[in-house]
C-alpha atoms as a PDB file:
ATOM      1  CA  UNK A   1       8.754  47.946 178.383  1.00  0.00           C
ATOM      2  CA  UNK A   2       5.974  45.889 178.694  1.00  0.00           C
ATOM      3  CA  UNK A   3       3.255  46.861 180.651  1.00  0.00           C
ATOM      4  CA  UNK A   4       0.462  44.427 183.015  1.00  0.00           C
ATOM      5  CA  UNK A   5      -2.344  45.469 184.804  1.00  0.00           C
ATOM      6  CA  UNK A   6      -4.085  42.612 186.634  1.00  0.00           C
ATOM      7  CA  UNK A   7      -6.830  42.003 189.639  1.00  0.00           C
ATOM      8  CA  UNK A   8      -7.233  38.691 190.729  1.00  0.00           C
ATOM      9  CA  UNK A   9      -9.379  37.348 193.604  1.00  0.00           C
ATOM     10  CA  UNK A  10      -7.731  35.536 196.466  1.00  0.00           C
ATOM     11  CA  UNK A  11     -10.176  33.801 198.908  1.00  0.00           C
ATOM     12  CA  UNK A  12      -8.844  35.589 201.867  1.00  0.00           C
ATOM     13  CA  UNK A  13     -10.096  38.742 203.849  1.00  0.00           C
ATOM     14  CA  UNK A  14      -7.765  41.730 203.266  1.00  0.00           C
ATOM     15  CA  UNK A  15      -7.175  41.836 207.032  1.00  0.00           C
ATOM     16  CA  UNK A  16      -5.749  38.499 206.901  1.00  0.00           C
ATOM     17  CA  UNK A  17      -4.275  38.767 203.569  1.00  0.00           C
ATOM     18  CA  UNK A  18      -2.043  41.901 204.373  1.00  0.00           C
ATOM     19  CA  UNK A  19      -0.056  40.584 206.527  1.00  0.00           C
ATOM     20  CA  UNK A  20       0.679  37.740 204.368  1.00  0.00           C
ATOM     21  CA  UNK A  21       1.997  40.461 201.958  1.00  0.00           C
ATOM     22  CA  UNK A  22       3.996  42.216 204.329  1.00  0.00           C
ATOM     23  CA  UNK A  23       6.364  38.879 204.729  1.00  0.00           C
ATOM     24  CA  UNK A  24       8.607  38.682 201.718  1.00  0.00           C
ATOM     25  CA  UNK A  25       9.736  34.839 202.965  1.00  0.00           C
ATOM     26  CA  UNK A  26       6.205  34.045 202.622  1.00  0.00           C
ATOM     27  CA  UNK A  27       5.189  35.878 199.363  1.00  0.00           C
ATOM     28  CA  UNK A  28       8.135  34.302 197.846  1.00  0.00           C
ATOM     29  CA  UNK A  29       7.250  30.710 199.013  1.00  0.00           C
ATOM     30  CA  UNK A  30       3.852  31.114 197.357  1.00  0.00           C
ATOM     31  CA  UNK A  31       5.143  32.651 194.150  1.00  0.00           C
ATOM     32  CA  UNK A  32       6.147  29.381 191.799  1.00  0.00           C
ATOM     33  CA  UNK A  33       9.731  29.251 190.642  1.00  0.00           C
ATOM     34  CA  UNK A  34      10.781  32.030 193.156  1.00  0.00           C
ATOM     35  CA  UNK A  35      13.194  31.721 195.792  1.00  0.00           C
ATOM     36  CA  UNK A  36      14.292  34.304 198.545  1.00  0.00           C
ATOM     37  CA  UNK A  37      17.945  33.549 199.121  1.00  0.00           C
ATOM     38  CA  UNK A  38      19.041  36.769 201.402  1.00  0.00           C
ATOM     39  CA  UNK A  39      17.266  39.519 203.358  1.00  0.00           C
ATOM     40  CA  UNK A  40      18.518  43.130 203.754  1.00  0.00           C
ATOM     41  CA  UNK A  41      18.433  45.474 206.747  1.00  0.00           C
ATOM     42  CA  UNK A  42      17.170  48.498 203.781  1.00  0.00           C
ATOM     43  CA  UNK A  43      14.321  46.557 202.637  1.00  0.00           C
ATOM     44  CA  UNK A  44      16.331  44.540 199.803  1.00  0.00           C
ATOM     45  CA  UNK A  45      15.941  41.157 199.189  1.00  0.00           C
ATOM     46  CA  UNK A  46      18.010  38.594 196.874  1.00  0.00           C
ATOM     47  CA  UNK A  47      16.419  35.562 195.569  1.00  0.00           C
ATOM     48  CA  UNK A  48      16.367  33.441 191.988  1.00  0.00           C
ATOM     49  CA  UNK A  49      13.127  32.958 190.339  1.00  0.00           C
ATOM     50  CA  UNK A  50      13.036  30.368 187.452  1.00  0.00           C
ATOM     51  CA  UNK A  51      10.975  31.022 184.228  1.00  0.00           C
ATOM     52  CA  UNK A  52       9.806  29.072 181.038  1.00  0.00           C
ATOM     53  CA  UNK A  53      10.036  31.389 177.797  1.00  0.00           C
ATOM     54  CA  UNK A  54       8.963  28.736 175.285  1.00  0.00           C
ATOM     55  CA  UNK A  55      11.060  26.053 174.871  1.00  0.00           C
ATOM     56  CA  UNK A  56      13.584  27.874 177.136  1.00  0.00           C
ATOM     57  CA  UNK A  57      14.336  27.963 180.947  1.00  0.00           C
ATOM     58  CA  UNK A  58      16.024  30.341 182.481  1.00  0.00           C
ATOM     59  CA  UNK A  59      17.002  31.173 186.195  1.00  0.00           C
ATOM     60  CA  UNK A  60      17.417  34.882 187.151  1.00  0.00           C
ATOM     61  CA  UNK A  61      19.156  35.791 190.258  1.00  0.00           C
ATOM     62  CA  UNK A  62      18.379  39.584 191.727  1.00  0.00           C
ATOM     63  CA  UNK A  63      17.256  41.625 194.038  1.00  0.00           C
ATOM     64  CA  UNK A  64      14.116  43.592 194.769  1.00  0.00           C
ATOM     65  CA  UNK A  65      13.576  46.732 196.751  1.00  0.00           C
ATOM     66  CA  UNK A  66      10.114  46.750 198.827  1.00  0.00           C
ATOM     67  CA  UNK A  67       8.038  49.560 200.078  1.00  0.00           C
ATOM     68  CA  UNK A  68       5.085  49.243 202.245  1.00  0.00           C
ATOM     69  CA  UNK A  69       2.240  51.381 203.033  1.00  0.00           C
ATOM     70  CA  UNK A  70       0.420  49.101 205.585  1.00  0.00           C
ATOM     71  CA  UNK A  71      -2.806  51.769 206.126  1.00  0.00           C
ATOM     72  CA  UNK A  72      -3.458  51.029 201.959  1.00  0.00           C
ATOM     73  CA  UNK A  73      -2.183  47.264 202.168  1.00  0.00           C
ATOM     74  CA  UNK A  74       0.064  48.126 199.417  1.00  0.00           C
ATOM     75  CA  UNK A  75       3.505  47.430 198.479  1.00  0.00           C
ATOM     76  CA  UNK A  76       5.445  49.278 195.885  1.00  0.00           C
ATOM     77  CA  UNK A  77       8.453  46.982 194.175  1.00  0.00           C
ATOM     78  CA  UNK A  78      11.828  47.550 192.178  1.00  0.00           C
ATOM     79  CA  UNK A  79      13.820  44.672 190.994  1.00  0.00           C
ATOM     80  CA  UNK A  80      16.217  43.745 188.701  1.00  0.00           C
ATOM     81  CA  UNK A  81      17.748  40.334 187.740  1.00  0.00           C
ATOM     82  CA  UNK A  82      20.095  38.459 185.518  1.00  0.00           C
ATOM     83  CA  UNK A  83      19.671  34.529 183.662  1.00  0.00           C
ATOM     84  CA  UNK A  84      22.161  32.302 184.732  1.00  0.00           C
ATOM     85  CA  UNK A  85      24.417  32.707 181.912  1.00  0.00           C
ATOM     86  CA  UNK A  86      24.788  36.502 182.203  1.00  0.00           C
ATOM     87  CA  UNK A  87      23.287  37.142 178.697  1.00  0.00           C
ATOM     88  CA  UNK A  88      19.836  38.423 179.434  1.00  0.00           C
ATOM     89  CA  UNK A  89      18.918  40.821 182.104  1.00  0.00           C
ATOM     90  CA  UNK A  90      15.610  42.100 183.587  1.00  0.00           C
ATOM     91  CA  UNK A  91      14.271  44.960 184.971  1.00  0.00           C
ATOM     92  CA  UNK A  92      10.937  45.554 186.750  1.00  0.00           C
ATOM     93  CA  UNK A  93       8.693  48.375 188.861  1.00  0.00           C
ATOM     94  CA  UNK A  94       5.384  47.897 189.881  1.00  0.00           C
ATOM     95  CA  UNK A  95       3.009  47.998 192.864  1.00  0.00           C
ATOM     96  CA  UNK A  96       0.638  45.769 194.520  1.00  0.00           C
ATOM     97  CA  UNK A  97      -2.476  46.291 196.636  1.00  0.00           C
ATOM     98  CA  UNK A  98      -4.822  44.363 198.495  1.00  0.00           C
ATOM     99  CA  UNK A  99      -8.338  45.923 198.938  1.00  0.00           C
ATOM    100  CA  UNK A 100     -12.109  44.088 199.136  1.00  0.00           C
ATOM    101  CA  UNK A 101     -14.227  43.036 201.922  1.00  0.00           C
ATOM    102  CA  UNK A 102     -14.721  39.284 202.387  1.00  0.00           C
ATOM    103  CA  UNK A 103     -12.070  38.311 200.198  1.00  0.00           C
ATOM    104  CA  UNK A 104      -9.271  40.098 198.557  1.00  0.00           C
ATOM    105  CA  UNK A 105      -8.807  42.114 195.241  1.00  0.00           C
ATOM    106  CA  UNK A 106      -5.311  41.701 194.543  1.00  0.00           C
ATOM    107  CA  UNK A 107      -4.561  44.822 191.862  1.00  0.00           C
ATOM    108  CA  UNK A 108      -0.886  44.145 190.230  1.00  0.00           C
ATOM    109  CA  UNK A 109       0.305  47.095 188.058  1.00  0.00           C
ATOM    110  CA  UNK A 110       3.741  47.088 186.583  1.00  0.00           C
ATOM    111  CA  UNK A 111       6.149  46.903 184.194  1.00  0.00           C
ATOM    112  CA  UNK A 112       9.234  44.718 183.100  1.00  0.00           C
ATOM    113  CA  UNK A 113      11.638  44.616 180.656  1.00  0.00           C
ATOM    114  CA  UNK A 114      14.104  41.772 179.495  1.00  0.00           C
ATOM    115  CA  UNK A 115      16.918  42.605 177.200  1.00  0.00           C
ATOM    116  CA  UNK A 116      19.252  39.572 175.827  1.00  0.00           C
ATOM    117  CA  UNK A 117      18.659  36.730 174.089  1.00  0.00           C
ATOM    118  CA  UNK A 118      15.727  36.203 175.998  1.00  0.00           C
ATOM    119  CA  UNK A 119      13.935  39.389 175.352  1.00  0.00           C
ATOM    120  CA  UNK A 120      11.867  38.081 172.097  1.00  0.00           C
ATOM    121  CA  UNK A 121      10.376  35.645 174.433  1.00  0.00           C
ATOM    122  CA  UNK A 122       9.425  37.851 177.145  1.00  0.00           C
ATOM    123  CA  UNK A 123       8.033  40.211 174.520  1.00  0.00           C
ATOM    124  CA  UNK A 124       5.784  37.638 173.045  1.00  0.00           C
ATOM    125  CA  UNK A 125       4.924  35.890 176.260  1.00  0.00           C
ATOM    126  CA  UNK A 126       5.765  37.901 179.101  1.00  0.00           C
ATOM    127  CA  UNK A 127       2.238  39.080 180.196  1.00  0.00           C
ATOM    128  CA  UNK A 128       0.786  35.417 179.670  1.00  0.00           C
ATOM    129  CA  UNK A 129       3.597  34.148 181.852  1.00  0.00           C
ATOM    130  CA  UNK A 130       2.753  36.907 184.351  1.00  0.00           C
ATOM    131  CA  UNK A 131      -0.685  35.877 184.636  1.00  0.00           C
ATOM    132  CA  UNK A 132      -0.350  32.347 185.029  1.00  0.00           C
ATOM    133  CA  UNK A 133       2.224  33.206 187.652  1.00  0.00           C
ATOM    134  CA  UNK A 134      -0.533  35.290 189.694  1.00  0.00           C
ATOM    135  CA  UNK A 135      -2.820  32.672 189.524  1.00  0.00           C
ATOM    136  CA  UNK A 136      -0.657  29.985 190.887  1.00  0.00           C
ATOM    137  CA  UNK A 137       0.306  32.636 193.452  1.00  0.00           C
ATOM    138  CA  UNK A 138      -3.230  33.084 194.531  1.00  0.00           C
ATOM    139  CA  UNK A 139      -4.009  29.388 194.783  1.00  0.00           C
ATOM    140  CA  UNK A 140      -0.878  29.100 196.760  1.00  0.00           C
ATOM    141  CA  UNK A 141      -2.031  32.190 199.129  1.00  0.00           C
ATOM    142  CA  UNK A 142      -5.654  30.380 199.528  1.00  0.00           C
ATOM    143  CA  UNK A 143      -3.543  27.032 200.409  1.00  0.00           C
ATOM    144  CA  UNK A 144      -1.384  29.010 202.709  1.00  0.00           C
ATOM    145  CA  UNK A 145      -4.561  29.911 204.822  1.00  0.00           C
ATOM    146  CA  UNK A 146      -5.884  26.601 204.964  1.00  0.00           C
ATOM    147  CA  UNK A 147      -2.219  25.050 205.464  1.00  0.00           C
ATOM    148  CA  UNK A 148      -0.381  27.761 207.091  1.00  0.00           C
ATOM    149  CA  UNK A 149       2.574  27.672 205.084  1.00  0.00           C
ATOM    150  CA  UNK A 150       3.022  27.928 201.099  1.00  0.00           C
ATOM    151  CA  UNK A 151       5.359  25.539 199.857  1.00  0.00           C
ATOM    152  CA  UNK A 152       9.219  26.267 200.555  1.00  0.00           C
ATOM    153  CA  UNK A 153      11.291  24.772 198.215  1.00  0.00           C
ATOM    154  CA  UNK A 154      15.000  23.073 199.430  1.00  0.00           C
ATOM    155  CA  UNK A 155      17.495  25.684 200.231  1.00  0.00           C
ATOM    156  CA  UNK A 156      14.570  28.419 200.635  1.00  0.00           C
ATOM    157  CA  UNK A 157      14.584  30.796 203.781  1.00  0.00           C
ATOM    158  CA  UNK A 158      11.851  30.377 206.153  1.00  0.00           C
ATOM    159  CA  UNK A 159       9.723  33.062 208.275  1.00  0.00           C
ATOM    160  CA  UNK A 160      11.866  33.013 211.006  1.00  0.00           C
ATOM    161  CA  UNK A 161      15.528  33.135 208.706  1.00  0.00           C
ATOM    162  CA  UNK A 162      14.339  35.748 206.871  1.00  0.00           C
ATOM    163  CA  UNK A 163      13.441  37.680 209.949  1.00  0.00           C
ATOM    164  CA  UNK A 164      16.847  37.100 210.922  1.00  0.00           C
ATOM    165  CA  UNK A 165      18.622  39.087 208.548  1.00  0.00           C
ATOM    166  CA  UNK A 166      16.370  41.678 208.826  1.00  0.00           C
END
């Protein structure tokens, strides 16, 4: 398993960022390559994630189960997916916590594992890819605060759509 532990600053106070972190539709819209496709009643969400491992682009479809602790602005995540060709599988677990004063310090800790043909690429560059995704996520959240929305790719569920399934 590959471990990641990152802290990234977001130019938004934790009191403002907390509700964003608690909304899977907004979070997914701020993660580059992510698309939320279905929301379940038991805090399970389905979607896709497009990632580039070296010269290879893969689209994983899968699900994530989220558990929130709103008093600590913390979310734990259990996820799994399979690439579009059905040959590689990914599993991940971790937590995200928002702390700070005038700005948010987002602490991300977790583990992930990729098996199958993409395993070598994930082992070599998975942590770097995760860091790049987190940096772009932070930029998109800042943009969300300024514009009121993150980018919603075609076919993505908006906030009202996600709540319709909740």
